Amino acid sequence: MNTWILKFPERFVIHPGSAIDDAIRQFSRDNRGTLNAIKSVTIWMLNGIENLLTVIPWWVFILLVVYAGYKASQKWKTGLLYGVMLFLVGSFGLWKMMIETLSIIMVSVTLALALGFPLGVLVAANRRLEAIMRPVMDFMQTIPSFVYLIPGAMLFSVGKTPAVMATLIYAVVPMVRMTSHGIRHVDKEVVEAGIAFGSTRLQLLFNVQVPQALPTIMAGVNQTIMMAMGMVVTCALIGANGLGMEILVATNRTEMGRALMPGVSIVFIAIILDRLTQGSLRKNKGEDR
């Protein structure tokens, strides 16, 4: 019996991996100046946010989170709970690592919002672009997150910059999707009323469509933050310091106790960020009513 009936024929096997690697390396060599500029700006942003968070006294930071939690939920108990969570992170000896992780998340989310919002607006306005972007975004959300680490490391070496870039690419998709969805599903009568009053396309977008779509857009912001939170831990594999690095070191040494504390800290931070953005979402929905 011929082996090709049971096994895939060797003659049809291709190996595109080396060609892709060569293309990325060639791109890196040809655009080294631009990549260095991107790296410098990213490091500047990371250092600025990290220095700002470090300058704030720990107790002031906790009080600010308590107040933000109260404003988001209108309950002092909820704000105090968030404060206790942050205090526990400091008690675990992970305050500095938390600041490093937060700086990466904040820079990544800021870039994702800056890129995802206008792209979402363009997708909402152009059906042809939507037809192109939909399978691309499906692919980006389905592919394992570890894959994003490799081109980032190849283009920017190891460290925080490739972590930001990988997190940006991974987390930008929900912002694009939710912005496009929110703008496209604004009540047609409201849009027609804006047109009837002589609004230009920009006035219609920023004075009618975006305010009406704001709850959906805020839901996209929430999803972007949560995806960035998950990705930033994975980025420890390419040298991004923070809570993820502590987990990676503990995993390599098979130290369960050492891995548990940063894991719990990440859960605390994720809960706080999620509840604060969800509180903003509920507030926006209430104002719309």
C-alpha atoms as a PDB file:
ATOM      1  CA  MET A   1       0.000   0.000   0.000  1.00  0.00           C
ATOM      2  CA  ASN A   2       1.336   3.421  -0.893  1.00  0.00           C
ATOM      3  CA  THR A   3       2.305   5.487   2.142  1.00  0.00           C
ATOM      4  CA  TRP A   4       0.685   8.656   0.746  1.00  0.00           C
ATOM      5  CA  ILE A   5      -2.747   7.118   1.357  1.00  0.00           C
ATOM      6  CA  LEU A   6      -2.173   7.156   5.136  1.00  0.00           C
ATOM      7  CA  LYS A   7       0.496   9.852   5.522  1.00  0.00           C
ATOM      8  CA  PHE A   8       0.671  13.345   4.075  1.00  0.00           C
ATOM      9  CA  PRO A   9       3.068  13.260   1.064  1.00  0.00           C
ATOM     10  CA  GLU A  10       6.456  14.833   1.725  1.00  0.00           C
ATOM     11  CA  ARG A  11       6.451  16.432  -1.715  1.00  0.00           C
ATOM     12  CA  PHE A  12       3.614  18.752  -0.639  1.00  0.00           C
ATOM     13  CA  VAL A  13       5.315  19.891   2.575  1.00  0.00           C
ATOM     14  CA  ILE A  14       6.458  23.525   2.555  1.00  0.00           C
ATOM     15  CA  HIS A  15       8.555  25.397   5.118  1.00  0.00           C
ATOM     16  CA  PRO A  16       7.598  29.089   5.053  1.00  0.00           C
ATOM     17  CA  GLY A  17       8.987  29.772   8.518  1.00  0.00           C
ATOM     18  CA  SER A  18      12.535  30.544   7.413  1.00  0.00           C
ATOM     19  CA  ALA A  19      11.313  32.887   4.666  1.00  0.00           C
ATOM     20  CA  ILE A  20       9.168  34.798   7.171  1.00  0.00           C
ATOM     21  CA  ASP A  21      12.083  35.045   9.606  1.00  0.00           C
ATOM     22  CA  ASP A  22      14.378  36.325   6.848  1.00  0.00           C
ATOM     23  CA  ALA A  23      11.790  38.918   5.814  1.00  0.00           C
ATOM     24  CA  ILE A  24      11.427  40.205   9.399  1.00  0.00           C
ATOM     25  CA  ARG A  25      15.202  40.393   9.853  1.00  0.00           C
ATOM     26  CA  GLN A  26      15.580  42.228   6.553  1.00  0.00           C
ATOM     27  CA  PHE A  27      12.825  44.657   7.542  1.00  0.00           C
ATOM     28  CA  SER A  28      14.596  45.229  10.848  1.00  0.00           C
ATOM     29  CA  ARG A  29      17.892  46.007   9.097  1.00  0.00           C
ATOM     30  CA  ASP A  30      16.296  48.290   6.507  1.00  0.00           C
ATOM     31  CA  ASN A  31      14.293  50.277   9.061  1.00  0.00           C
ATOM     32  CA  ARG A  32      16.648  50.306  12.026  1.00  0.00           C
ATOM     33  CA  GLY A  33      16.466  54.092  12.402  1.00  0.00           C
ATOM     34  CA  THR A  34      12.667  54.149  12.523  1.00  0.00           C
ATOM     35  CA  LEU A  35      12.532  51.200  14.918  1.00  0.00           C
ATOM     36  CA  ASN A  36      15.075  52.876  17.224  1.00  0.00           C
ATOM     37  CA  ALA A  37      12.970  56.040  17.204  1.00  0.00           C
ATOM     38  CA  ILE A  38       9.850  54.042  18.123  1.00  0.00           C
ATOM     39  CA  LYS A  39      11.801  52.313  20.876  1.00  0.00           C
ATOM     40  CA  SER A  40      13.070  55.625  22.252  1.00  0.00           C
ATOM     41  CA  VAL A  41       9.575  57.150  22.350  1.00  0.00           C
ATOM     42  CA  THR A  42       8.156  54.032  23.997  1.00  0.00           C
ATOM     43  CA  ILE A  43      10.881  53.961  26.655  1.00  0.00           C
ATOM     44  CA  TRP A  44      10.323  57.677  27.285  1.00  0.00           C
ATOM     45  CA  MET A  45       6.602  57.089  27.825  1.00  0.00           C
ATOM     46  CA  LEU A  46       7.232  54.086  30.071  1.00  0.00           C
ATOM     47  CA  ASN A  47       9.798  55.921  32.181  1.00  0.00           C
ATOM     48  CA  GLY A  48       7.549  58.985  32.464  1.00  0.00           C
ATOM     49  CA  ILE A  49       4.540  57.023  33.702  1.00  0.00           C
ATOM     50  CA  GLU A  50       6.631  54.812  35.973  1.00  0.00           C
ATOM     51  CA  ASN A  51       8.360  57.846  37.510  1.00  0.00           C
ATOM     52  CA  LEU A  52       4.995  59.553  38.008  1.00  0.00           C
ATOM     53  CA  LEU A  53       3.526  56.511  39.747  1.00  0.00           C
ATOM     54  CA  THR A  54       6.674  56.116  41.841  1.00  0.00           C
ATOM     55  CA  VAL A  55       6.648  59.759  42.984  1.00  0.00           C
ATOM     56  CA  ILE A  56       3.109  59.389  44.348  1.00  0.00           C
ATOM     57  CA  PRO A  57       3.337  58.156  47.975  1.00  0.00           C
ATOM     58  CA  TRP A  58       1.899  54.694  48.393  1.00  0.00           C
ATOM     59  CA  TRP A  59      -0.783  55.842  50.814  1.00  0.00           C
ATOM     60  CA  VAL A  60      -1.860  58.666  48.482  1.00  0.00           C
ATOM     61  CA  PHE A  61      -2.063  56.149  45.632  1.00  0.00           C
ATOM     62  CA  ILE A  62      -4.311  53.911  47.724  1.00  0.00           C
ATOM     63  CA  LEU A  63      -6.515  56.843  48.778  1.00  0.00           C
ATOM     64  CA  LEU A  64      -6.914  57.881  45.125  1.00  0.00           C
ATOM     65  CA  VAL A  65      -8.016  54.354  44.221  1.00  0.00           C
ATOM     66  CA  VAL A  66     -10.434  54.306  47.182  1.00  0.00           C
ATOM     67  CA  TYR A  67     -11.978  57.575  45.998  1.00  0.00           C
ATOM     68  CA  ALA A  68     -12.134  56.380  42.377  1.00  0.00           C
ATOM     69  CA  GLY A  69     -13.821  53.192  43.552  1.00  0.00           C
ATOM     70  CA  TYR A  70     -16.367  55.221  45.508  1.00  0.00           C
ATOM     71  CA  LYS A  71     -17.107  57.479  42.529  1.00  0.00           C
ATOM     72  CA  ALA A  72     -17.512  54.476  40.211  1.00  0.00           C
ATOM     73  CA  SER A  73     -19.804  52.502  42.528  1.00  0.00           C
ATOM     74  CA  GLN A  74     -21.232  55.184  44.840  1.00  0.00           C
ATOM     75  CA  LYS A  75     -20.326  52.884  47.728  1.00  0.00           C
ATOM     76  CA  TRP A  76     -17.555  53.611  50.222  1.00  0.00           C
ATOM     77  CA  LYS A  77     -17.279  49.912  51.079  1.00  0.00           C
ATOM     78  CA  THR A  78     -16.328  49.132  47.490  1.00  0.00           C
ATOM     79  CA  GLY A  79     -13.690  51.860  47.431  1.00  0.00           C
ATOM     80  CA  LEU A  80     -12.255  50.623  50.735  1.00  0.00           C
ATOM     81  CA  LEU A  81     -12.138  47.082  49.357  1.00  0.00           C
ATOM     82  CA  TYR A  82     -10.016  48.286  46.429  1.00  0.00           C
ATOM     83  CA  GLY A  83      -7.755  50.077  48.880  1.00  0.00           C
ATOM     84  CA  VAL A  84      -7.326  46.879  50.911  1.00  0.00           C
ATOM     85  CA  MET A  85      -6.423  44.991  47.725  1.00  0.00           C
ATOM     86  CA  LEU A  86      -3.669  47.471  46.892  1.00  0.00           C
ATOM     87  CA  PHE A  87      -2.432  47.419  50.481  1.00  0.00           C
ATOM     88  CA  LEU A  88      -2.133  43.633  50.258  1.00  0.00           C
ATOM     89  CA  VAL A  89      -0.075  43.954  47.069  1.00  0.00           C
ATOM     90  CA  GLY A  90       2.330  46.179  48.991  1.00  0.00           C
ATOM     91  CA  SER A  91       2.290  43.745  51.912  1.00  0.00           C
ATOM     92  CA  PHE A  92       3.390  40.989  49.537  1.00  0.00           C
ATOM     93  CA  GLY A  93       6.484  43.094  48.738  1.00  0.00           C
ATOM     94  CA  LEU A  94       5.346  43.583  45.139  1.00  0.00           C
ATOM     95  CA  TRP A  95       4.580  47.310  45.051  1.00  0.00           C
ATOM     96  CA  LYS A  96       7.484  48.204  42.727  1.00  0.00           C
ATOM     97  CA  MET A  97       6.671  45.308  40.393  1.00  0.00           C
ATOM     98  CA  MET A  98       3.026  46.405  40.348  1.00  0.00           C
ATOM     99  CA  ILE A  99       4.120  49.893  39.270  1.00  0.00           C
ATOM    100  CA  GLU A 100       6.217  48.405  36.440  1.00  0.00           C
ATOM    101  CA  THR A 101       3.291  46.287  35.285  1.00  0.00           C
ATOM    102  CA  LEU A 102       0.883  49.227  35.461  1.00  0.00           C
ATOM    103  CA  SER A 103       3.236  51.422  33.420  1.00  0.00           C
ATOM    104  CA  ILE A 104       3.342  48.836  30.616  1.00  0.00           C
ATOM    105  CA  ILE A 105      -0.442  48.456  30.728  1.00  0.00           C
ATOM    106  CA  MET A 106      -1.052  52.211  30.681  1.00  0.00           C
ATOM    107  CA  VAL A 107       1.272  52.847  27.733  1.00  0.00           C
ATOM    108  CA  SER A 108      -0.089  49.868  25.792  1.00  0.00           C
ATOM    109  CA  VAL A 109      -3.719  50.814  26.417  1.00  0.00           C
ATOM    110  CA  THR A 110      -3.069  54.473  25.554  1.00  0.00           C
ATOM    111  CA  LEU A 111      -1.518  53.488  22.220  1.00  0.00           C
ATOM    112  CA  ALA A 112      -4.275  50.927  21.577  1.00  0.00           C
ATOM    113  CA  LEU A 113      -6.960  53.559  22.146  1.00  0.00           C
ATOM    114  CA  ALA A 114      -5.124  56.127  20.015  1.00  0.00           C
ATOM    115  CA  LEU A 115      -4.866  53.606  17.179  1.00  0.00           C
ATOM    116  CA  GLY A 116      -8.117  51.687  17.673  1.00  0.00           C
ATOM    117  CA  PHE A 117     -10.553  54.605  17.917  1.00  0.00           C
ATOM    118  CA  PRO A 118      -9.781  56.276  14.557  1.00  0.00           C
ATOM    119  CA  LEU A 119      -9.474  52.877  12.881  1.00  0.00           C
ATOM    120  CA  GLY A 120     -12.866  51.903  14.292  1.00  0.00           C
ATOM    121  CA  VAL A 121     -14.348  55.134  12.944  1.00  0.00           C
ATOM    122  CA  LEU A 122     -12.929  54.398   9.490  1.00  0.00           C
ATOM    123  CA  VAL A 123     -14.239  50.829   9.573  1.00  0.00           C
ATOM    124  CA  ALA A 124     -17.692  52.092  10.552  1.00  0.00           C
ATOM    125  CA  ALA A 125     -17.707  54.557   7.656  1.00  0.00           C
ATOM    126  CA  ASN A 126     -16.409  52.220   4.952  1.00  0.00           C
ATOM    127  CA  ARG A 127     -18.089  48.874   4.219  1.00  0.00           C
ATOM    128  CA  ARG A 128     -15.240  47.752   1.983  1.00  0.00           C
ATOM    129  CA  LEU A 129     -12.674  48.432   4.707  1.00  0.00           C
ATOM    130  CA  GLU A 130     -14.857  46.507   7.159  1.00  0.00           C
ATOM    131  CA  ALA A 131     -14.894  43.513   4.807  1.00  0.00           C
ATOM    132  CA  ILE A 132     -11.088  43.595   4.764  1.00  0.00           C
ATOM    133  CA  MET A 133     -10.586  44.231   8.480  1.00  0.00           C
ATOM    134  CA  ARG A 134     -13.078  41.686   9.817  1.00  0.00           C
ATOM    135  CA  PRO A 135     -11.072  38.545   8.859  1.00  0.00           C
ATOM    136  CA  VAL A 136      -7.858  40.313   9.851  1.00  0.00           C
ATOM    137  CA  MET A 137      -9.216  41.064  13.324  1.00  0.00           C
ATOM    138  CA  ASP A 138     -10.631  37.540  13.634  1.00  0.00           C
ATOM    139  CA  PHE A 139      -7.158  36.223  12.864  1.00  0.00           C
ATOM    140  CA  MET A 140      -5.528  38.591  15.357  1.00  0.00           C
ATOM    141  CA  GLN A 141      -7.881  37.535  18.153  1.00  0.00           C
ATOM    142  CA  THR A 142      -7.608  33.822  17.413  1.00  0.00           C
ATOM    143  CA  ILE A 143      -3.851  33.426  17.010  1.00  0.00           C
ATOM    144  CA  PRO A 144      -2.095  32.450  20.281  1.00  0.00           C
ATOM    145  CA  SER A 145      -0.784  35.471  22.163  1.00  0.00           C
ATOM    146  CA  PHE A 146       2.714  33.970  22.393  1.00  0.00           C
ATOM    147  CA  VAL A 147       3.124  34.440  18.636  1.00  0.00           C
ATOM    148  CA  TYR A 148       3.091  38.231  19.038  1.00  0.00           C
ATOM    149  CA  LEU A 149       6.176  38.063  21.233  1.00  0.00           C
ATOM    150  CA  ILE A 150       8.469  36.743  18.493  1.00  0.00           C
ATOM    151  CA  PRO A 151       8.320  39.587  15.926  1.00  0.00           C
ATOM    152  CA  GLY A 152       8.418  42.105  18.782  1.00  0.00           C
ATOM    153  CA  ALA A 153      11.637  40.592  20.098  1.00  0.00           C
ATOM    154  CA  MET A 154      13.100  40.318  16.577  1.00  0.00           C
ATOM    155  CA  LEU A 155      12.387  43.988  15.811  1.00  0.00           C
ATOM    156  CA  PHE A 156      13.074  45.607  19.181  1.00  0.00           C
ATOM    157  CA  SER A 157      15.267  43.064  21.010  1.00  0.00           C
ATOM    158  CA  VAL A 158      14.072  42.027  24.474  1.00  0.00           C
ATOM    159  CA  GLY A 159      12.693  44.267  27.192  1.00  0.00           C
ATOM    160  CA  LYS A 160       9.701  46.507  27.738  1.00  0.00           C
ATOM    161  CA  THR A 161       9.421  47.941  24.217  1.00  0.00           C
ATOM    162  CA  PRO A 162       8.551  44.641  22.484  1.00  0.00           C
ATOM    163  CA  ALA A 163       6.210  43.937  25.412  1.00  0.00           C
ATOM    164  CA  VAL A 164       4.349  47.179  24.722  1.00  0.00           C
ATOM    165  CA  MET A 165       4.193  46.492  20.976  1.00  0.00           C
ATOM    166  CA  ALA A 166       2.956  42.915  21.444  1.00  0.00           C
ATOM    167  CA  THR A 167       0.366  44.043  23.990  1.00  0.00           C
ATOM    168  CA  LEU A 168      -0.730  46.879  21.696  1.00  0.00           C
ATOM    169  CA  ILE A 169      -1.351  44.546  18.749  1.00  0.00           C
ATOM    170  CA  TYR A 170      -3.119  41.992  20.917  1.00  0.00           C
ATOM    171  CA  ALA A 171      -5.351  44.499  22.737  1.00  0.00           C
ATOM    172  CA  VAL A 172      -6.272  46.923  19.932  1.00  0.00           C
ATOM    173  CA  VAL A 173      -8.840  44.623  18.265  1.00  0.00           C
ATOM    174  CA  PRO A 174     -11.740  45.052  20.755  1.00  0.00           C
ATOM    175  CA  MET A 175     -11.343  48.822  20.590  1.00  0.00           C
ATOM    176  CA  VAL A 176     -11.679  48.761  16.806  1.00  0.00           C
ATOM    177  CA  ARG A 177     -14.619  46.358  16.922  1.00  0.00           C
ATOM    178  CA  MET A 178     -16.602  48.148  19.623  1.00  0.00           C
ATOM    179  CA  THR A 179     -16.000  51.627  18.186  1.00  0.00           C
ATOM    180  CA  SER A 180     -17.158  50.486  14.764  1.00  0.00           C
ATOM    181  CA  HIS A 181     -20.136  48.624  16.221  1.00  0.00           C
ATOM    182  CA  GLY A 182     -21.214  51.543  18.400  1.00  0.00           C
ATOM    183  CA  ILE A 183     -21.035  54.164  15.647  1.00  0.00           C
ATOM    184  CA  ARG A 184     -22.716  51.960  13.055  1.00  0.00           C
ATOM    185  CA  HIS A 185     -25.672  51.185  15.341  1.00  0.00           C
ATOM    186  CA  VAL A 186     -26.470  54.751  16.366  1.00  0.00           C
ATOM    187  CA  ASP A 187     -30.191  55.443  15.872  1.00  0.00           C
ATOM    188  CA  LYS A 188     -30.672  56.421  12.233  1.00  0.00           C
ATOM    189  CA  GLU A 189     -33.287  59.024  13.173  1.00  0.00           C
ATOM    190  CA  VAL A 190     -30.741  60.800  15.374  1.00  0.00           C
ATOM    191  CA  VAL A 191     -28.204  60.800  12.540  1.00  0.00           C
ATOM    192  CA  GLU A 192     -30.809  62.065  10.064  1.00  0.00           C
ATOM    193  CA  ALA A 193     -31.750  64.840  12.483  1.00  0.00           C
ATOM    194  CA  GLY A 194     -28.098  65.908  12.664  1.00  0.00           C
ATOM    195  CA  ILE A 195     -27.863  65.960   8.877  1.00  0.00           C
ATOM    196  CA  ALA A 196     -31.115  67.922   8.650  1.00  0.00           C
ATOM    197  CA  PHE A 197     -29.671  70.618  10.919  1.00  0.00           C
ATOM    198  CA  GLY A 198     -26.733  71.030   8.534  1.00  0.00           C
ATOM    199  CA  SER A 199     -24.013  69.146  10.415  1.00  0.00           C
ATOM    200  CA  THR A 200     -20.818  68.430   8.519  1.00  0.00           C
ATOM    201  CA  ARG A 201     -19.409  64.892   8.569  1.00  0.00           C
ATOM    202  CA  LEU A 202     -17.002  65.754  11.388  1.00  0.00           C
ATOM    203  CA  GLN A 203     -19.706  67.558  13.390  1.00  0.00           C
ATOM    204  CA  LEU A 204     -22.032  64.610  12.869  1.00  0.00           C
ATOM    205  CA  LEU A 205     -19.318  62.218  14.046  1.00  0.00           C
ATOM    206  CA  PHE A 206     -18.147  64.046  17.179  1.00  0.00           C
ATOM    207  CA  ASN A 207     -21.411  65.769  18.205  1.00  0.00           C
ATOM    208  CA  VAL A 208     -23.911  63.010  17.399  1.00  0.00           C
ATOM    209  CA  GLN A 209     -22.471  59.574  16.661  1.00  0.00           C
ATOM    210  CA  VAL A 210     -19.622  59.367  19.198  1.00  0.00           C
ATOM    211  CA  PRO A 211     -21.710  60.640  22.159  1.00  0.00           C
ATOM    212  CA  GLN A 212     -24.494  58.182  21.266  1.00  0.00           C
ATOM    213  CA  ALA A 213     -21.986  55.333  20.870  1.00  0.00           C
ATOM    214  CA  LEU A 214     -19.987  56.222  23.997  1.00  0.00           C
ATOM    215  CA  PRO A 215     -21.303  53.347  26.194  1.00  0.00           C
ATOM    216  CA  THR A 216     -20.279  50.826  23.533  1.00  0.00           C
ATOM    217  CA  ILE A 217     -16.924  52.539  23.064  1.00  0.00           C
ATOM    218  CA  MET A 218     -16.338  52.426  26.829  1.00  0.00           C
ATOM    219  CA  ALA A 219     -17.079  48.704  26.753  1.00  0.00           C
ATOM    220  CA  GLY A 220     -14.305  48.445  24.156  1.00  0.00           C
ATOM    221  CA  VAL A 221     -11.975  50.365  26.464  1.00  0.00           C
ATOM    222  CA  ASN A 222     -12.766  47.892  29.238  1.00  0.00           C
ATOM    223  CA  GLN A 223     -12.049  44.896  27.011  1.00  0.00           C
ATOM    224  CA  THR A 224      -8.833  46.497  25.775  1.00  0.00           C
ATOM    225  CA  ILE A 225      -7.602  46.965  29.349  1.00  0.00           C
ATOM    226  CA  MET A 226      -8.467  43.388  30.283  1.00  0.00           C
ATOM    227  CA  MET A 227      -6.698  41.950  27.224  1.00  0.00           C
ATOM    228  CA  ALA A 228      -3.655  44.117  27.913  1.00  0.00           C
ATOM    229  CA  MET A 229      -3.686  42.886  31.506  1.00  0.00           C
ATOM    230  CA  GLY A 230      -3.545  39.280  30.353  1.00  0.00           C
ATOM    231  CA  MET A 231      -0.898  39.895  27.691  1.00  0.00           C
ATOM    232  CA  VAL A 232       1.483  41.879  29.877  1.00  0.00           C
ATOM    233  CA  VAL A 233       2.062  38.798  32.045  1.00  0.00           C
ATOM    234  CA  THR A 234       2.962  36.721  29.006  1.00  0.00           C
ATOM    235  CA  CYS A 235       5.442  39.417  27.969  1.00  0.00           C
ATOM    236  CA  ALA A 236       7.713  38.378  30.836  1.00  0.00           C
ATOM    237  CA  LEU A 237       8.983  35.753  28.395  1.00  0.00           C
ATOM    238  CA  ILE A 238      10.710  38.517  26.396  1.00  0.00           C
ATOM    239  CA  GLY A 239      12.176  40.337  29.367  1.00  0.00           C
ATOM    240  CA  ALA A 240       9.376  42.652  30.525  1.00  0.00           C
ATOM    241  CA  ASN A 241       9.880  43.247  34.242  1.00  0.00           C
ATOM    242  CA  GLY A 242       6.987  43.338  36.667  1.00  0.00           C
ATOM    243  CA  LEU A 243       4.605  40.869  38.213  1.00  0.00           C
ATOM    244  CA  GLY A 244       4.795  38.599  35.181  1.00  0.00           C
ATOM    245  CA  MET A 245       8.561  38.263  35.558  1.00  0.00           C
ATOM    246  CA  GLU A 246       8.140  37.234  39.196  1.00  0.00           C
ATOM    247  CA  ILE A 247       5.685  34.529  38.125  1.00  0.00           C
ATOM    248  CA  LEU A 248       8.044  33.354  35.378  1.00  0.00           C
ATOM    249  CA  VAL A 249      11.000  33.106  37.778  1.00  0.00           C
ATOM    250  CA  ALA A 250       8.887  31.224  40.324  1.00  0.00           C
ATOM    251  CA  THR A 251       7.641  28.870  37.617  1.00  0.00           C
ATOM    252  CA  ASN A 252      11.171  28.094  36.444  1.00  0.00           C
ATOM    253  CA  ARG A 253      12.120  27.304  40.048  1.00  0.00           C
ATOM    254  CA  THR A 254       8.846  25.432  40.721  1.00  0.00           C
ATOM    255  CA  GLU A 255       8.112  27.655  43.741  1.00  0.00           C
ATOM    256  CA  MET A 256       4.337  27.641  44.156  1.00  0.00           C
ATOM    257  CA  GLY A 257       4.283  30.040  47.080  1.00  0.00           C
ATOM    258  CA  ARG A 258       6.411  32.595  45.271  1.00  0.00           C
ATOM    259  CA  ALA A 259       4.206  32.414  42.149  1.00  0.00           C
ATOM    260  CA  LEU A 260       0.943  32.661  44.084  1.00  0.00           C
ATOM    261  CA  MET A 261       1.443  36.157  45.505  1.00  0.00           C
ATOM    262  CA  PRO A 262       2.079  37.968  42.187  1.00  0.00           C
ATOM    263  CA  GLY A 263      -0.740  35.916  40.665  1.00  0.00           C
ATOM    264  CA  VAL A 264      -3.133  37.130  43.347  1.00  0.00           C
ATOM    265  CA  SER A 265      -1.808  40.674  42.881  1.00  0.00           C
ATOM    266  CA  ILE A 266      -2.587  40.522  39.169  1.00  0.00           C
ATOM    267  CA  VAL A 267      -6.119  39.382  39.999  1.00  0.00           C
ATOM    268  CA  PHE A 268      -6.507  42.346  42.380  1.00  0.00           C
ATOM    269  CA  ILE A 269      -5.299  44.841  39.766  1.00  0.00           C
ATOM    270  CA  ALA A 270      -7.508  43.302  37.086  1.00  0.00           C
ATOM    271  CA  ILE A 271     -10.561  43.527  39.372  1.00  0.00           C
ATOM    272  CA  ILE A 272      -9.862  47.171  40.199  1.00  0.00           C
ATOM    273  CA  LEU A 273      -9.306  48.204  36.576  1.00  0.00           C
ATOM    274  CA  ASP A 274     -12.338  46.253  35.419  1.00  0.00           C
ATOM    275  CA  ARG A 275     -14.679  47.665  38.068  1.00  0.00           C
ATOM    276  CA  LEU A 276     -13.493  51.243  37.552  1.00  0.00           C
ATOM    277  CA  THR A 277     -14.056  51.110  33.794  1.00  0.00           C
ATOM    278  CA  GLN A 278     -17.356  49.281  34.278  1.00  0.00           C
ATOM    279  CA  GLY A 279     -18.368  52.041  36.687  1.00  0.00           C
ATOM    280  CA  SER A 280     -17.610  54.628  34.002  1.00  0.00           C
ATOM    281  CA  LEU A 281     -19.656  52.579  31.534  1.00  0.00           C
ATOM    282  CA  ARG A 282     -22.671  52.465  33.868  1.00  0.00           C
ATOM    283  CA  LYS A 283     -22.338  56.193  34.496  1.00  0.00           C
ATOM    284  CA  ASN A 284     -22.364  56.924  30.770  1.00  0.00           C
ATOM    285  CA  LYS A 285     -25.434  54.718  30.276  1.00  0.00           C
ATOM    286  CA  GLY A 286     -27.186  56.527  33.120  1.00  0.00           C
ATOM    287  CA  GLU A 287     -26.407  59.931  31.604  1.00  0.00           C
ATOM    288  CA  ASP A 288     -27.751  58.747  28.243  1.00  0.00           C
ATOM    289  CA  ARG A 289     -31.063  57.926  29.834  1.00  0.00           C
END
